[in-house]
Amino acid sequence: QNDKANLDVDVIGEQNELHIKQNPERYRTHGIFCGIPPSHPIRSILIDMVEKSLFKNIVTGLIFVNCITLAIENPHEEKQNPVFLAFDIVFTTIFTMEMIIKIV
């Protein structure tokens, strides 16, 4: 069982290495975030996800919706509306996750 798992990891690693060699412009030459190498399966998945047009369109749409909520919100109110507070928290969380995904 353990040998099969090691073989699976080796195959994934070889496929990632081949993909990096075929597409060198997509990958940085060094590891980041605790030295994760470009051939790491998680990093490869995140790079593929970030480069999809669907991901970019979703982020652009979220930025647009965030701009609308910021424009509607009145900063001069003494007490902040709980709906806008919830939007602020949600958008901050989403954009922070996007940043982390793009850094890795």
PDB file of N, CA and C in Angstrom:
ATOM      1  N   GLN A   1       0.832  -1.189   0.000  1.00  0.00           N
ATOM      2  CA  GLN A   1       0.000   0.000   0.000  1.00  0.00           C
ATOM      3  C   GLN A   1       0.873   1.249   0.000  1.00  0.00           C
ATOM      4  N   ASN A   2       1.875   1.277   0.865  1.00  0.00           N
ATOM      5  CA  ASN A   2       2.748   2.428   0.969  1.00  0.00           C
ATOM      6  C   ASN A   2       3.565   2.626  -0.300  1.00  0.00           C
ATOM      7  N   ASP A   3       4.011   1.514  -0.921  1.00  0.00           N
ATOM      8  CA  ASP A   3       4.780   1.611  -2.159  1.00  0.00           C
ATOM      9  C   ASP A   3       3.929   2.198  -3.276  1.00  0.00           C
ATOM     10  N   LYS A   4       2.653   1.811  -3.335  1.00  0.00           N
ATOM     11  CA  LYS A   4       1.756   2.340  -4.356  1.00  0.00           C
ATOM     12  C   LYS A   4       1.575   3.841  -4.171  1.00  0.00           C
ATOM     13  N   ALA A   5       1.428   4.295  -2.929  1.00  0.00           N
ATOM     14  CA  ALA A   5       1.275   5.722  -2.657  1.00  0.00           C
ATOM     15  C   ALA A   5       2.525   6.480  -3.084  1.00  0.00           C
ATOM     16  N   ASN A   6       3.691   5.916  -2.804  1.00  0.00           N
ATOM     17  CA  ASN A   6       4.941   6.561  -3.216  1.00  0.00           C
ATOM     18  C   ASN A   6       5.042   6.631  -4.730  1.00  0.00           C
ATOM     19  N   LEU A   7       4.611   5.564  -5.414  1.00  0.00           N
ATOM     20  CA  LEU A   7       4.627   5.573  -6.874  1.00  0.00           C
ATOM     21  C   LEU A   7       3.695   6.635  -7.429  1.00  0.00           C
ATOM     22  N   ASP A   8       2.499   6.771  -6.820  1.00  0.00           N
ATOM     23  CA  ASP A   8       1.554   7.796  -7.255  1.00  0.00           C
ATOM     24  C   ASP A   8       2.148   9.188  -7.100  1.00  0.00           C
ATOM     25  N   VAL A   9       2.797   9.446  -5.977  1.00  0.00           N
ATOM     26  CA  VAL A   9       3.429  10.745  -5.749  1.00  0.00           C
ATOM     27  C   VAL A   9       4.543  10.971  -6.766  1.00  0.00           C
ATOM     28  N   ASP A  10       5.327   9.940  -7.042  1.00  0.00           N
ATOM     29  CA  ASP A  10       6.404  10.068  -8.025  1.00  0.00           C
ATOM     30  C   ASP A  10       5.852  10.401  -9.406  1.00  0.00           C
ATOM     31  N   VAL A  11       4.761   9.751  -9.801  1.00  0.00           N
ATOM     32  CA  VAL A  11       4.156  10.002 -11.108  1.00  0.00           C
ATOM     33  C   VAL A  11       3.643  11.439 -11.186  1.00  0.00           C
ATOM     34  N   ILE A  12       2.967  11.890 -10.124  1.00  0.00           N
ATOM     35  CA  ILE A  12       2.470  13.271 -10.097  1.00  0.00           C
ATOM     36  C   ILE A  12       3.633  14.246 -10.179  1.00  0.00           C
ATOM     37  N   GLY A  13       4.683  13.976  -9.425  1.00  0.00           N
ATOM     38  CA  GLY A  13       5.863  14.843  -9.456  1.00  0.00           C
ATOM     39  C   GLY A  13       6.485  14.905 -10.840  1.00  0.00           C
ATOM     40  N   GLU A  14       6.581  13.765 -11.512  1.00  0.00           N
ATOM     41  CA  GLU A  14       7.156  13.733 -12.862  1.00  0.00           C
ATOM     42  C   GLU A  14       6.271  14.498 -13.851  1.00  0.00           C
ATOM     43  N   GLN A  15       4.957  14.358 -13.722  1.00  0.00           N
ATOM     44  CA  GLN A  15       4.042  15.090 -14.604  1.00  0.00           C
ATOM     45  C   GLN A  15       4.167  16.593 -14.376  1.00  0.00           C
ATOM     46  N   ASN A  16       4.281  17.015 -13.124  1.00  0.00           N
ATOM     47  CA  ASN A  16       4.440  18.433 -12.823  1.00  0.00           C
ATOM     48  C   ASN A  16       5.752  18.972 -13.368  1.00  0.00           C
ATOM     49  N   GLU A  17       6.820  18.208 -13.185  1.00  0.00           N
ATOM     50  CA  GLU A  17       8.124  18.629 -13.705  1.00  0.00           C
ATOM     51  C   GLU A  17       8.067  18.794 -15.227  1.00  0.00           C
ATOM     52  N   LEU A  18       7.424  17.848 -15.917  1.00  0.00           N
ATOM     53  CA  LEU A  18       7.294  17.926 -17.366  1.00  0.00           C
ATOM     54  C   LEU A  18       6.473  19.156 -17.755  1.00  0.00           C
ATOM     55  N   HIS A  19       5.394  19.405 -17.040  1.00  0.00           N
ATOM     56  CA  HIS A  19       4.547  20.567 -17.322  1.00  0.00           C
ATOM     57  C   HIS A  19       5.334  21.865 -17.124  1.00  0.00           C
ATOM     58  N   ILE A  20       6.159  21.915 -16.086  1.00  0.00           N
ATOM     59  CA  ILE A  20       6.977  23.111 -15.825  1.00  0.00           C
ATOM     60  C   ILE A  20       7.987  23.313 -16.942  1.00  0.00           C
ATOM     61  N   LYS A  21       8.603  22.235 -17.403  1.00  0.00           N
ATOM     62  CA  LYS A  21       9.590  22.352 -18.475  1.00  0.00           C
ATOM     63  C   LYS A  21       8.937  22.798 -19.780  1.00  0.00           C
ATOM     64  N   GLN A  22       7.685  22.390 -20.010  1.00  0.00           N
ATOM     65  CA  GLN A  22       6.984  22.780 -21.229  1.00  0.00           C
ATOM     66  C   GLN A  22       6.439  24.198 -21.150  1.00  0.00           C
ATOM     67  N   ASN A  23       6.195  24.701 -19.952  1.00  0.00           N
ATOM     68  CA  ASN A  23       5.607  26.027 -19.747  1.00  0.00           C
ATOM     69  C   ASN A  23       6.418  26.824 -18.724  1.00  0.00           C
ATOM     70  N   PRO A  24       7.677  27.096 -18.989  1.00  0.00           N
ATOM     71  CA  PRO A  24       8.520  27.721 -17.962  1.00  0.00           C
ATOM     72  C   PRO A  24       8.092  29.143 -17.590  1.00  0.00           C
ATOM     73  N   GLU A  25       7.425  29.854 -18.508  1.00  0.00           N
ATOM     74  CA  GLU A  25       7.038  31.233 -18.216  1.00  0.00           C
ATOM     75  C   GLU A  25       5.949  31.313 -17.152  1.00  0.00           C
ATOM     76  N   ARG A  26       5.239  30.221 -16.917  1.00  0.00           N
ATOM     77  CA  ARG A  26       4.154  30.213 -15.932  1.00  0.00           C
ATOM     78  C   ARG A  26       4.653  30.051 -14.503  1.00  0.00           C
ATOM     79  N   TYR A  27       5.862  29.609 -14.333  1.00  0.00           N
ATOM     80  CA  TYR A  27       6.319  29.237 -13.006  1.00  0.00           C
ATOM     81  C   TYR A  27       7.537  30.047 -12.595  1.00  0.00           C
ATOM     82  N   ARG A  28       7.550  30.396 -11.337  1.00  0.00           N
ATOM     83  CA  ARG A  28       8.748  31.038 -10.798  1.00  0.00           C
ATOM     84  C   ARG A  28       9.823  29.971 -10.637  1.00  0.00           C
ATOM     85  N   THR A  29      11.050  30.408 -10.634  1.00  0.00           N
ATOM     86  CA  THR A  29      12.149  29.438 -10.567  1.00  0.00           C
ATOM     87  C   THR A  29      12.496  29.048  -9.142  1.00  0.00           C
ATOM     88  N   HIS A  30      11.855  29.637  -8.164  1.00  0.00           N
ATOM     89  CA  HIS A  30      12.175  29.308  -6.777  1.00  0.00           C
ATOM     90  C   HIS A  30      10.893  29.069  -5.992  1.00  0.00           C
ATOM     91  N   GLY A  31      11.035  28.432  -4.867  1.00  0.00           N
ATOM     92  CA  GLY A  31       9.881  28.167  -4.019  1.00  0.00           C
ATOM     93  C   GLY A  31       9.565  29.369  -3.143  1.00  0.00           C
ATOM     94  N   ILE A  32       8.296  29.531  -2.814  1.00  0.00           N
ATOM     95  CA  ILE A  32       7.889  30.570  -1.886  1.00  0.00           C
ATOM     96  C   ILE A  32       7.028  29.927  -0.821  1.00  0.00           C
ATOM     97  N   PHE A  33       6.620  30.710   0.151  1.00  0.00           N
ATOM     98  CA  PHE A  33       5.792  30.189   1.236  1.00  0.00           C
ATOM     99  C   PHE A  33       6.417  28.927   1.801  1.00  0.00           C
ATOM    100  N   CYS A  34       7.449  29.071   2.549  1.00  0.00           N
ATOM    101  CA  CYS A  34       8.162  27.963   3.191  1.00  0.00           C
ATOM    102  C   CYS A  34       8.867  27.076   2.172  1.00  0.00           C
ATOM    103  N   GLY A  35       9.229  27.623   1.039  1.00  0.00           N
ATOM    104  CA  GLY A  35      10.012  26.894   0.058  1.00  0.00           C
ATOM    105  C   GLY A  35       9.249  25.884  -0.767  1.00  0.00           C
ATOM    106  N   ILE A  36       7.960  26.118  -1.009  1.00  0.00           N
ATOM    107  CA  ILE A  36       7.193  25.195  -1.841  1.00  0.00           C
ATOM    108  C   ILE A  36       7.734  25.276  -3.268  1.00  0.00           C
ATOM    109  N   PRO A  37       8.223  24.168  -3.818  1.00  0.00           N
ATOM    110  CA  PRO A  37       8.781  24.217  -5.174  1.00  0.00           C
ATOM    111  C   PRO A  37       7.674  24.346  -6.225  1.00  0.00           C
ATOM    112  N   PRO A  38       8.006  24.858  -7.403  1.00  0.00           N
ATOM    113  CA  PRO A  38       7.002  24.995  -8.468  1.00  0.00           C
ATOM    114  C   PRO A  38       6.373  23.672  -8.885  1.00  0.00           C
ATOM    115  N   SER A  39       7.048  22.562  -8.638  1.00  0.00           N
ATOM    116  CA  SER A  39       6.522  21.257  -9.043  1.00  0.00           C
ATOM    117  C   SER A  39       5.537  20.669  -8.043  1.00  0.00           C
ATOM    118  N   HIS A  40       5.323  21.324  -6.921  1.00  0.00           N
ATOM    119  CA  HIS A  40       4.416  20.808  -5.894  1.00  0.00           C
ATOM    120  C   HIS A  40       2.991  20.756  -6.448  1.00  0.00           C
ATOM    121  N   PRO A  41       2.273  19.647  -6.231  1.00  0.00           N
ATOM    122  CA  PRO A  41       0.929  19.496  -6.804  1.00  0.00           C
ATOM    123  C   PRO A  41      -0.056  20.592  -6.387  1.00  0.00           C
ATOM    124  N   ILE A  42      -0.006  21.008  -5.134  1.00  0.00           N
ATOM    125  CA  ILE A  42      -0.933  22.050  -4.677  1.00  0.00           C
ATOM    126  C   ILE A  42      -0.647  23.368  -5.390  1.00  0.00           C
ATOM    127  N   ARG A  43       0.625  23.711  -5.515  1.00  0.00           N
ATOM    128  CA  ARG A  43       0.984  24.950  -6.197  1.00  0.00           C
ATOM    129  C   ARG A  43       0.569  24.896  -7.665  1.00  0.00           C
ATOM    130  N   SER A  44       0.747  23.762  -8.291  1.00  0.00           N
ATOM    131  CA  SER A  44       0.352  23.593  -9.689  1.00  0.00           C
ATOM    132  C   SER A  44      -1.158  23.779  -9.858  1.00  0.00           C
ATOM    133  N   ILE A  45      -1.934  23.212  -8.948  1.00  0.00           N
ATOM    134  CA  ILE A  45      -3.399  23.357  -8.998  1.00  0.00           C
ATOM    135  C   ILE A  45      -3.799  24.814  -8.818  1.00  0.00           C
ATOM    136  N   LEU A  46      -3.169  25.504  -7.861  1.00  0.00           N
ATOM    137  CA  LEU A  46      -3.504  26.912  -7.622  1.00  0.00           C
ATOM    138  C   LEU A  46      -3.148  27.790  -8.818  1.00  0.00           C
ATOM    139  N   ILE A  47      -2.020  27.528  -9.454  1.00  0.00           N
ATOM    140  CA  ILE A  47      -1.633  28.298 -10.641  1.00  0.00           C
ATOM    141  C   ILE A  47      -2.637  28.080 -11.761  1.00  0.00           C
ATOM    142  N   ASP A  48      -3.028  26.833 -11.973  1.00  0.00           N
ATOM    143  CA  ASP A  48      -4.027  26.546 -13.010  1.00  0.00           C
ATOM    144  C   ASP A  48      -5.349  27.244 -12.710  1.00  0.00           C
ATOM    145  N   MET A  49      -5.759  27.251 -11.436  1.00  0.00           N
ATOM    146  CA  MET A  49      -7.017  27.884 -11.061  1.00  0.00           C
ATOM    147  C   MET A  49      -6.969  29.396 -11.292  1.00  0.00           C
ATOM    148  N   VAL A  50      -5.893  30.040 -10.893  1.00  0.00           N
ATOM    149  CA  VAL A  50      -5.766  31.492 -11.011  1.00  0.00           C
ATOM    150  C   VAL A  50      -5.726  31.935 -12.476  1.00  0.00           C
ATOM    151  N   GLU A  51      -5.193  31.112 -13.344  1.00  0.00           N
ATOM    152  CA  GLU A  51      -5.066  31.488 -14.752  1.00  0.00           C
ATOM    153  C   GLU A  51      -6.344  31.271 -15.560  1.00  0.00           C
ATOM    154  N   LYS A  52      -7.335  30.630 -15.001  1.00  0.00           N
ATOM    155  CA  LYS A  52      -8.594  30.411 -15.719  1.00  0.00           C
ATOM    156  C   LYS A  52      -9.373  31.723 -15.823  1.00  0.00           C
ATOM    157  N   SER A  53     -10.015  31.918 -16.961  1.00  0.00           N
ATOM    158  CA  SER A  53     -10.781  33.148 -17.159  1.00  0.00           C
ATOM    159  C   SER A  53     -11.980  33.210 -16.212  1.00  0.00           C
ATOM    160  N   LEU A  54     -12.529  32.064 -15.832  1.00  0.00           N
ATOM    161  CA  LEU A  54     -13.647  32.047 -14.890  1.00  0.00           C
ATOM    162  C   LEU A  54     -13.237  32.671 -13.555  1.00  0.00           C
ATOM    163  N   PHE A  55     -12.060  32.320 -13.061  1.00  0.00           N
ATOM    164  CA  PHE A  55     -11.552  32.881 -11.808  1.00  0.00           C
ATOM    165  C   PHE A  55     -11.410  34.389 -11.927  1.00  0.00           C
ATOM    166  N   LYS A  56     -10.823  34.847 -13.011  1.00  0.00           N
ATOM    167  CA  LYS A  56     -10.628  36.290 -13.226  1.00  0.00           C
ATOM    168  C   LYS A  56     -11.965  37.011 -13.337  1.00  0.00           C
ATOM    169  N   ASN A  57     -12.930  36.402 -14.026  1.00  0.00           N
ATOM    170  CA  ASN A  57     -14.248  37.028 -14.169  1.00  0.00           C
ATOM    171  C   ASN A  57     -14.984  37.100 -12.833  1.00  0.00           C
ATOM    172  N   ILE A  58     -14.870  36.069 -12.031  1.00  0.00           N
ATOM    173  CA  ILE A  58     -15.511  36.074 -10.713  1.00  0.00           C
ATOM    174  C   ILE A  58     -14.910  37.165  -9.832  1.00  0.00           C
ATOM    175  N   VAL A  59     -13.593  37.268  -9.828  1.00  0.00           N
ATOM    176  CA  VAL A  59     -12.935  38.294  -9.019  1.00  0.00           C
ATOM    177  C   VAL A  59     -13.333  39.688  -9.503  1.00  0.00           C
ATOM    178  N   THR A  60     -13.374  39.884 -10.811  1.00  0.00           N
ATOM    179  CA  THR A  60     -13.785  41.179 -11.356  1.00  0.00           C
ATOM    180  C   THR A  60     -15.222  41.505 -10.958  1.00  0.00           C
ATOM    181  N   GLY A  61     -16.108  40.532 -11.032  1.00  0.00           N
ATOM    182  CA  GLY A  61     -17.493  40.740 -10.623  1.00  0.00           C
ATOM    183  C   GLY A  61     -17.606  41.083  -9.146  1.00  0.00           C
ATOM    184  N   LEU A  62     -16.828  40.406  -8.311  1.00  0.00           N
ATOM    185  CA  LEU A  62     -16.838  40.699  -6.877  1.00  0.00           C
ATOM    186  C   LEU A  62     -16.320  42.108  -6.596  1.00  0.00           C
ATOM    187  N   ILE A  63     -15.308  42.532  -7.326  1.00  0.00           N
ATOM    188  CA  ILE A  63     -14.803  43.899  -7.169  1.00  0.00           C
ATOM    189  C   ILE A  63     -15.885  44.904  -7.542  1.00  0.00           C
ATOM    190  N   PHE A  64     -16.602  44.629  -8.620  1.00  0.00           N
ATOM    191  CA  PHE A  64     -17.686  45.510  -9.061  1.00  0.00           C
ATOM    192  C   PHE A  64     -18.788  45.590  -7.998  1.00  0.00           C
ATOM    193  N   VAL A  65     -19.206  44.446  -7.471  1.00  0.00           N
ATOM    194  CA  VAL A  65     -20.251  44.426  -6.436  1.00  0.00           C
ATOM    195  C   VAL A  65     -19.765  45.143  -5.177  1.00  0.00           C
ATOM    196  N   ASN A  66     -18.500  44.953  -4.830  1.00  0.00           N
ATOM    197  CA  ASN A  66     -17.937  45.637  -3.667  1.00  0.00           C
ATOM    198  C   ASN A  66     -17.960  47.153  -3.867  1.00  0.00           C
ATOM    199  N   CYS A  67     -17.629  47.610  -5.061  1.00  0.00           N
ATOM    200  CA  CYS A  67     -17.676  49.047  -5.359  1.00  0.00           C
ATOM    201  C   CYS A  67     -19.094  49.596  -5.195  1.00  0.00           C
ATOM    202  N   ILE A  68     -20.076  48.831  -5.634  1.00  0.00           N
ATOM    203  CA  ILE A  68     -21.472  49.272  -5.508  1.00  0.00           C
ATOM    204  C   ILE A  68     -21.868  49.370  -4.037  1.00  0.00           C
ATOM    205  N   THR A  69     -21.514  48.364  -3.245  1.00  0.00           N
ATOM    206  CA  THR A  69     -21.882  48.411  -1.822  1.00  0.00           C
ATOM    207  C   THR A  69     -21.173  49.561  -1.109  1.00  0.00           C
ATOM    208  N   LEU A  70     -19.933  49.847  -1.500  1.00  0.00           N
ATOM    209  CA  LEU A  70     -19.226  50.974  -0.894  1.00  0.00           C
ATOM    210  C   LEU A  70     -19.851  52.307  -1.299  1.00  0.00           C
ATOM    211  N   ALA A  71     -20.346  52.391  -2.532  1.00  0.00           N
ATOM    212  CA  ALA A  71     -20.972  53.622  -3.001  1.00  0.00           C
ATOM    213  C   ALA A  71     -22.327  53.855  -2.317  1.00  0.00           C
ATOM    214  N   ILE A  72     -23.044  52.779  -2.025  1.00  0.00           N
ATOM    215  CA  ILE A  72     -24.363  52.893  -1.394  1.00  0.00           C
ATOM    216  C   ILE A  72     -24.231  53.224   0.101  1.00  0.00           C
ATOM    217  N   GLU A  73     -23.209  52.696   0.721  1.00  0.00           N
ATOM    218  CA  GLU A  73     -23.036  52.864   2.167  1.00  0.00           C
ATOM    219  C   GLU A  73     -22.781  54.331   2.511  1.00  0.00           C
ATOM    220  N   ASN A  74     -23.385  54.794   3.583  1.00  0.00           N
ATOM    221  CA  ASN A  74     -23.198  56.175   4.033  1.00  0.00           C
ATOM    222  C   ASN A  74     -22.177  56.187   5.172  1.00  0.00           C
ATOM    223  N   PRO A  75     -20.991  56.744   4.938  1.00  0.00           N
ATOM    224  CA  PRO A  75     -19.962  56.730   5.990  1.00  0.00           C
ATOM    225  C   PRO A  75     -20.248  57.711   7.128  1.00  0.00           C
ATOM    226  N   HIS A  76     -21.228  58.617   6.937  1.00  0.00           N
ATOM    227  CA  HIS A  76     -21.506  59.626   7.957  1.00  0.00           C
ATOM    228  C   HIS A  76     -22.549  59.171   8.972  1.00  0.00           C
ATOM    229  N   GLU A  77     -23.103  57.970   8.817  1.00  0.00           N
ATOM    230  CA  GLU A  77     -24.049  57.450   9.790  1.00  0.00           C
ATOM    231  C   GLU A  77     -23.327  57.136  11.091  1.00  0.00           C
ATOM    232  N   GLU A  78     -24.001  57.438  12.198  1.00  0.00           N
ATOM    233  CA  GLU A  78     -23.383  57.166  13.499  1.00  0.00           C
ATOM    234  C   GLU A  78     -23.225  55.668  13.743  1.00  0.00           C
ATOM    235  N   LYS A  79     -24.260  54.906  13.387  1.00  0.00           N
ATOM    236  CA  LYS A  79     -24.212  53.451  13.576  1.00  0.00           C
ATOM    237  C   LYS A  79     -24.161  52.792  12.200  1.00  0.00           C
ATOM    238  N   GLN A  80     -23.175  51.903  12.018  1.00  0.00           N
ATOM    239  CA  GLN A  80     -23.020  51.236  10.730  1.00  0.00           C
ATOM    240  C   GLN A  80     -24.124  50.196  10.541  1.00  0.00           C
ATOM    241  N   ASN A  81     -24.673  50.166   9.345  1.00  0.00           N
ATOM    242  CA  ASN A  81     -25.707  49.197   9.000  1.00  0.00           C
ATOM    243  C   ASN A  81     -25.099  47.789   9.051  1.00  0.00           C
ATOM    244  N   PRO A  82     -25.744  46.849   9.753  1.00  0.00           N
ATOM    245  CA  PRO A  82     -25.174  45.494   9.877  1.00  0.00           C
ATOM    246  C   PRO A  82     -25.042  44.763   8.537  1.00  0.00           C
ATOM    247  N   VAL A  83     -25.889  45.107   7.566  1.00  0.00           N
ATOM    248  CA  VAL A  83     -25.786  44.473   6.241  1.00  0.00           C
ATOM    249  C   VAL A  83     -24.472  44.870   5.575  1.00  0.00           C
ATOM    250  N   PHE A  84     -24.147  46.170   5.647  1.00  0.00           N
ATOM    251  CA  PHE A  84     -22.901  46.628   5.034  1.00  0.00           C
ATOM    252  C   PHE A  84     -21.677  46.125   5.792  1.00  0.00           C
ATOM    253  N   LEU A  85     -21.810  45.992   7.103  1.00  0.00           N
ATOM    254  CA  LEU A  85     -20.722  45.410   7.893  1.00  0.00           C
ATOM    255  C   LEU A  85     -20.472  43.970   7.464  1.00  0.00           C
ATOM    256  N   ALA A  86     -21.539  43.225   7.237  1.00  0.00           N
ATOM    257  CA  ALA A  86     -21.403  41.838   6.779  1.00  0.00           C
ATOM    258  C   ALA A  86     -20.745  41.795   5.399  1.00  0.00           C
ATOM    259  N   PHE A  87     -21.174  42.687   4.492  1.00  0.00           N
ATOM    260  CA  PHE A  87     -20.545  42.758   3.171  1.00  0.00           C
ATOM    261  C   PHE A  87     -19.053  43.059   3.292  1.00  0.00           C
ATOM    262  N   ASP A  88     -18.699  44.004   4.165  1.00  0.00           N
ATOM    263  CA  ASP A  88     -17.281  44.345   4.352  1.00  0.00           C
ATOM    264  C   ASP A  88     -16.468  43.137   4.792  1.00  0.00           C
ATOM    265  N   ILE A  89     -17.001  42.387   5.734  1.00  0.00           N
ATOM    266  CA  ILE A  89     -16.290  41.212   6.245  1.00  0.00           C
ATOM    267  C   ILE A  89     -16.160  40.143   5.158  1.00  0.00           C
ATOM    268  N   VAL A  90     -17.238  39.900   4.435  1.00  0.00           N
ATOM    269  CA  VAL A  90     -17.223  38.879   3.379  1.00  0.00           C
ATOM    270  C   VAL A  90     -16.232  39.259   2.277  1.00  0.00           C
ATOM    271  N   PHE A  91     -16.299  40.488   1.798  1.00  0.00           N
ATOM    272  CA  PHE A  91     -15.400  40.904   0.719  1.00  0.00           C
ATOM    273  C   PHE A  91     -13.944  40.914   1.177  1.00  0.00           C
ATOM    274  N   THR A  92     -13.691  41.365   2.394  1.00  0.00           N
ATOM    275  CA  THR A  92     -12.318  41.353   2.906  1.00  0.00           C
ATOM    276  C   THR A  92     -11.782  39.925   2.971  1.00  0.00           C
ATOM    277  N   THR A  93     -12.608  38.999   3.416  1.00  0.00           N
ATOM    278  CA  THR A  93     -12.192  37.588   3.494  1.00  0.00           C
ATOM    279  C   THR A  93     -11.913  37.020   2.102  1.00  0.00           C
ATOM    280  N   ILE A  94     -12.813  37.274   1.166  1.00  0.00           N
ATOM    281  CA  ILE A  94     -12.651  36.752  -0.198  1.00  0.00           C
ATOM    282  C   ILE A  94     -11.391  37.318  -0.846  1.00  0.00           C
ATOM    283  N   PHE A  95     -11.189  38.631  -0.726  1.00  0.00           N
ATOM    284  CA  PHE A  95     -10.029  39.247  -1.377  1.00  0.00           C
ATOM    285  C   PHE A  95      -8.718  38.840  -0.696  1.00  0.00           C
ATOM    286  N   THR A  96      -8.765  38.561   0.598  1.00  0.00           N
ATOM    287  CA  THR A  96      -7.572  38.058   1.287  1.00  0.00           C
ATOM    288  C   THR A  96      -7.227  36.652   0.796  1.00  0.00           C
ATOM    289  N   MET A  97      -8.250  35.808   0.644  1.00  0.00           N
ATOM    290  CA  MET A  97      -8.009  34.451   0.105  1.00  0.00           C
ATOM    291  C   MET A  97      -7.471  34.521  -1.321  1.00  0.00           C
ATOM    292  N   GLU A  98      -8.007  35.431  -2.130  1.00  0.00           N
ATOM    293  CA  GLU A  98      -7.500  35.592  -3.496  1.00  0.00           C
ATOM    294  C   GLU A  98      -6.025  35.966  -3.483  1.00  0.00           C
ATOM    295  N   MET A  99      -5.668  36.900  -2.605  1.00  0.00           N
ATOM    296  CA  MET A  99      -4.274  37.347  -2.511  1.00  0.00           C
ATOM    297  C   MET A  99      -3.367  36.188  -2.129  1.00  0.00           C
ATOM    298  N   ILE A 100      -3.773  35.404  -1.143  1.00  0.00           N
ATOM    299  CA  ILE A 100      -2.951  34.276  -0.694  1.00  0.00           C
ATOM    300  C   ILE A 100      -2.792  33.245  -1.803  1.00  0.00           C
ATOM    301  N   ILE A 101      -3.879  32.959  -2.508  1.00  0.00           N
ATOM    302  CA  ILE A 101      -3.814  32.001  -3.613  1.00  0.00           C
ATOM    303  C   ILE A 101      -2.854  32.494  -4.689  1.00  0.00           C
ATOM    304  N   LYS A 102      -2.901  33.777  -5.000  1.00  0.00           N
ATOM    305  CA  LYS A 102      -2.025  34.311  -6.052  1.00  0.00           C
ATOM    306  C   LYS A 102      -0.577  34.381  -5.613  1.00  0.00           C
ATOM    307  N   ILE A 103      -0.334  34.563  -4.327  1.00  0.00           N
ATOM    308  CA  ILE A 103       1.053  34.594  -3.824  1.00  0.00           C
ATOM    309  C   ILE A 103       1.689  33.220  -3.926  1.00  0.00           C
ATOM    310  N   VAL A 104       0.925  32.176  -3.584  1.00  0.00           N
ATOM    311  CA  VAL A 104       1.461  30.815  -3.625  1.00  0.00           C
ATOM    312  C   VAL A 104       1.691  30.454  -5.064  1.00  0.00           C
TER     313      VAL A 104
END
